[in-house]
Amino acid sequence: MRPSPQAKKCPDCHKWSEHFTVDPLKRNISLYRYTPEMKAIISRFKYRGDYEIIHAFETAIQSTYKTHFNDQPTTIPIPLHPVRQQQRLFNQAEAIAQKLIQPYHTNILTRQDNTKQSKKSRYERITSLNPFTVTKQPPEKILLIDDIYTTGTTLRQAADLLIKHGAKSVESFTLIRS
């Protein structure tokens, strides 16, 4: 959630509600803000393959998860396209999911599009086609895991598709929020 003193929903969630009529993403909880220091850390983690960085966030990930998601929804890390997975050698969202110490599922959602979100403008992200496909019937309650919440497009595209295929509620948990 992005802090908003006047309302329970942040301004970003209000904008998405207008776009979707009903926002497919119930809420997002992020651990950290995207500061210059965090940008440097996530760059090492995500783009330079420094997997060990995830261990520094383990306690915060577990504590925040216990505080906000005690109903234990089915956890699904946002998938990478196979080419991107091969380039990075690991999926950063899956690395976060591993720290939750509970089962997570990588066989419900797949990514078909290999286009880098970081190279797109905000408008291009928001108007892009849904890059995901659902490979089997999703459970009713889902928690999507991703590393960075920038515009919310990736998470909402996944949530929208999962709901269209039978999920009743989709929330998200991210390491960083811009």
Protein backbone atom coordinates (compact mmCIF):
# COMPACT_ATOMS: atom_id res chain seq x y z
CA MET A 1 0.00 0.00 0.00
CA ARG A 2 1.19 3.48 -0.72
CA PRO A 3 0.41 5.73 2.26
CA SER A 4 -2.67 7.88 1.78
CA PRO A 5 -3.84 9.88 4.81
CA GLN A 6 -7.35 10.51 3.47
CA ALA A 7 -8.38 7.04 2.37
CA LYS A 8 -7.85 3.32 2.77
CA LYS A 9 -6.84 3.09 -0.90
CA CYS A 10 -3.80 4.83 -2.32
CA PRO A 11 -4.17 7.15 -5.34
CA ASP A 12 -2.64 4.48 -7.58
CA CYS A 13 -5.30 1.94 -6.55
CA HIS A 14 -8.05 4.50 -7.28
CA LYS A 15 -6.66 5.03 -10.80
CA TRP A 16 -6.59 1.28 -11.43
CA SER A 17 -10.17 0.93 -10.16
CA GLU A 18 -11.20 3.37 -12.89
CA HIS A 19 -9.28 1.37 -15.50
CA PHE A 20 -10.72 -2.02 -14.48
CA THR A 21 -14.02 -0.86 -12.94
CA VAL A 22 -13.21 -3.34 -10.18
CA ASP A 23 -9.50 -3.57 -9.41
CA PRO A 24 -8.48 -7.25 -9.74
CA LEU A 25 -5.76 -6.74 -7.13
CA LYS A 26 -7.25 -6.55 -3.65
CA ARG A 27 -4.12 -4.93 -2.18
CA ASN A 28 -0.34 -4.79 -2.37
CA ILE A 29 1.99 -4.80 0.60
CA SER A 30 5.58 -3.70 0.01
CA LEU A 31 8.48 -3.87 2.43
CA TYR A 32 10.52 -0.90 1.23
CA ARG A 33 10.38 2.28 -0.84
CA TYR A 34 12.43 2.55 -4.03
CA THR A 35 15.16 4.88 -2.76
CA PRO A 36 18.50 5.45 -4.53
CA GLU A 37 20.11 3.04 -2.05
CA MET A 38 17.47 0.38 -2.69
CA LYS A 39 17.85 0.91 -6.46
CA ALA A 40 21.53 0.02 -6.17
CA ILE A 41 20.78 -3.06 -4.07
CA ILE A 42 18.03 -4.34 -6.36
CA SER A 43 20.25 -3.76 -9.40
CA ARG A 44 22.91 -6.05 -7.90
CA PHE A 45 20.27 -8.62 -6.96
CA LYS A 46 18.22 -8.60 -10.13
CA TYR A 47 20.57 -7.66 -12.95
CA ARG A 48 23.98 -8.75 -11.70
CA GLY A 49 22.84 -12.08 -10.27
CA ASP A 50 23.82 -11.47 -6.64
CA TYR A 51 21.32 -13.97 -5.23
CA GLU A 52 22.82 -13.80 -1.73
CA ILE A 53 21.30 -10.33 -1.21
CA ILE A 54 17.89 -11.94 -0.61
CA HIS A 55 19.13 -13.31 2.73
CA ALA A 56 19.43 -9.75 4.11
CA PHE A 57 15.66 -9.36 3.68
CA GLU A 58 14.63 -12.74 5.13
CA THR A 59 13.48 -11.57 8.59
CA ALA A 60 11.55 -8.60 7.19
CA ILE A 61 9.90 -10.77 4.52
CA GLN A 62 8.79 -13.38 7.06
CA SER A 63 7.59 -10.87 9.64
CA THR A 64 5.61 -8.79 7.13
CA TYR A 65 4.06 -11.89 5.63
CA LYS A 66 2.93 -13.13 9.08
CA THR A 67 1.47 -9.71 9.90
CA HIS A 68 -0.48 -9.18 6.68
CA PHE A 69 -1.20 -12.62 5.24
CA ASN A 70 -2.05 -14.86 8.17
CA ASP A 71 -4.86 -16.51 6.16
CA GLN A 72 -2.12 -18.22 4.06
CA PRO A 73 -3.34 -17.80 0.50
CA THR A 74 -1.75 -19.84 -2.29
CA THR A 75 1.54 -18.16 -3.13
CA ILE A 76 2.54 -17.62 -6.76
CA PRO A 77 5.78 -15.80 -7.67
CA ILE A 78 5.46 -13.72 -10.84
CA PRO A 79 7.14 -15.87 -13.50
CA LEU A 80 9.94 -14.80 -15.78
CA HIS A 81 9.97 -15.66 -19.44
CA PRO A 82 12.22 -18.73 -19.91
CA VAL A 83 14.80 -16.66 -21.83
CA ARG A 84 14.99 -14.08 -19.03
CA GLN A 85 15.18 -16.86 -16.43
CA GLN A 86 18.14 -18.36 -18.29
CA GLN A 87 19.89 -14.96 -18.48
CA ARG A 88 19.45 -14.18 -14.77
CA LEU A 89 19.90 -17.77 -13.55
CA PHE A 90 17.13 -17.27 -10.98
CA ASN A 91 13.71 -15.68 -10.62
CA GLN A 92 13.90 -12.84 -8.09
CA ALA A 93 10.18 -13.19 -7.21
CA GLU A 94 10.71 -16.89 -6.52
CA ALA A 95 13.69 -16.03 -4.31
CA ILE A 96 11.35 -13.86 -2.20
CA ALA A 97 8.71 -16.62 -2.11
CA GLN A 98 11.30 -19.10 -0.84
CA LYS A 99 11.82 -16.92 2.23
CA LEU A 100 8.16 -17.27 3.25
CA ILE A 101 8.82 -20.84 4.44
CA GLN A 102 5.64 -22.20 2.94
CA PRO A 103 4.84 -23.90 -0.34
CA TYR A 104 4.64 -21.75 -3.44
CA HIS A 105 3.45 -22.63 -6.92
CA THR A 106 5.24 -22.02 -10.21
CA ASN A 107 2.97 -24.12 -12.40
CA ILE A 108 -0.21 -22.01 -12.44
CA LEU A 109 0.97 -18.91 -14.29
CA THR A 110 3.52 -18.59 -17.13
CA ARG A 111 4.92 -15.62 -19.01
CA GLN A 112 4.73 -15.63 -22.81
CA ASP A 113 6.16 -12.17 -23.56
CA ASN A 114 9.88 -11.54 -23.15
CA THR A 115 9.74 -7.72 -23.33
CA LYS A 116 11.55 -5.94 -20.48
CA GLN A 117 9.15 -3.84 -18.40
CA SER A 118 12.03 -1.64 -17.23
CA LYS A 119 12.55 -0.42 -20.81
CA LYS A 120 8.93 0.74 -21.20
CA SER A 121 7.42 4.09 -20.29
CA ARG A 122 4.59 4.22 -17.75
CA TYR A 123 2.05 4.57 -20.56
CA GLU A 124 3.56 1.62 -22.47
CA ARG A 125 3.43 -0.54 -19.35
CA ILE A 126 -0.17 0.30 -18.53
CA THR A 127 -1.40 -0.24 -22.09
CA SER A 128 0.64 -3.37 -22.83
CA LEU A 129 -0.98 -6.69 -23.65
CA ASN A 130 -1.20 -9.25 -20.87
CA PRO A 131 2.01 -11.33 -21.07
CA PHE A 132 0.69 -14.19 -18.92
CA THR A 133 -1.21 -17.41 -19.48
CA VAL A 134 -2.87 -19.62 -16.89
CA THR A 135 -1.79 -23.24 -17.21
CA LYS A 136 -4.24 -24.81 -14.77
CA GLN A 137 -7.23 -23.94 -12.59
CA PRO A 138 -6.10 -21.36 -10.02
CA PRO A 139 -7.05 -21.66 -6.35
CA GLU A 140 -9.58 -19.23 -4.83
CA LYS A 141 -7.17 -17.11 -2.72
CA ILE A 142 -3.87 -16.09 -4.25
CA LEU A 143 -0.88 -14.07 -3.12
CA LEU A 144 1.31 -12.90 -6.00
CA ILE A 145 4.97 -12.25 -5.17
CA ASP A 146 7.17 -9.83 -7.10
CA ASP A 147 10.30 -7.82 -6.48
CA ILE A 148 9.24 -4.30 -7.49
CA TYR A 149 5.86 -2.60 -7.73
CA THR A 150 6.33 0.25 -10.20
CA THR A 151 3.03 0.94 -11.97
CA GLY A 152 1.19 -2.17 -10.76
CA THR A 153 0.64 -3.35 -14.32
CA THR A 154 2.41 -6.71 -14.03
CA LEU A 155 0.59 -7.66 -10.84
CA ARG A 156 -2.78 -6.49 -12.14
CA GLN A 157 -2.39 -8.29 -15.45
CA ALA A 158 -1.65 -11.52 -13.57
CA ALA A 159 -4.48 -10.90 -11.08
CA ASP A 160 -6.98 -10.11 -13.82
CA LEU A 161 -6.16 -13.30 -15.69
CA LEU A 162 -6.29 -15.44 -12.53
CA ILE A 163 -9.68 -14.02 -11.60
CA LYS A 164 -11.00 -14.63 -15.11
CA HIS A 165 -9.94 -18.26 -14.65
CA GLY A 166 -11.69 -18.72 -11.29
CA ALA A 167 -9.69 -17.11 -8.48
CA LYS A 168 -11.88 -15.19 -6.05
CA SER A 169 -9.26 -12.97 -4.41
CA VAL A 170 -5.75 -11.87 -5.45
CA GLU A 171 -3.35 -9.84 -3.31
CA SER A 172 0.33 -9.10 -3.81
CA PHE A 173 3.48 -8.84 -1.75
CA THR A 174 6.50 -7.01 -3.13
CA LEU A 175 9.93 -6.23 -1.82
CA ILE A 176 9.97 -2.65 -3.10
CA ARG A 177 7.41 -0.03 -4.08
CA SER A 178 8.31 2.93 -6.28
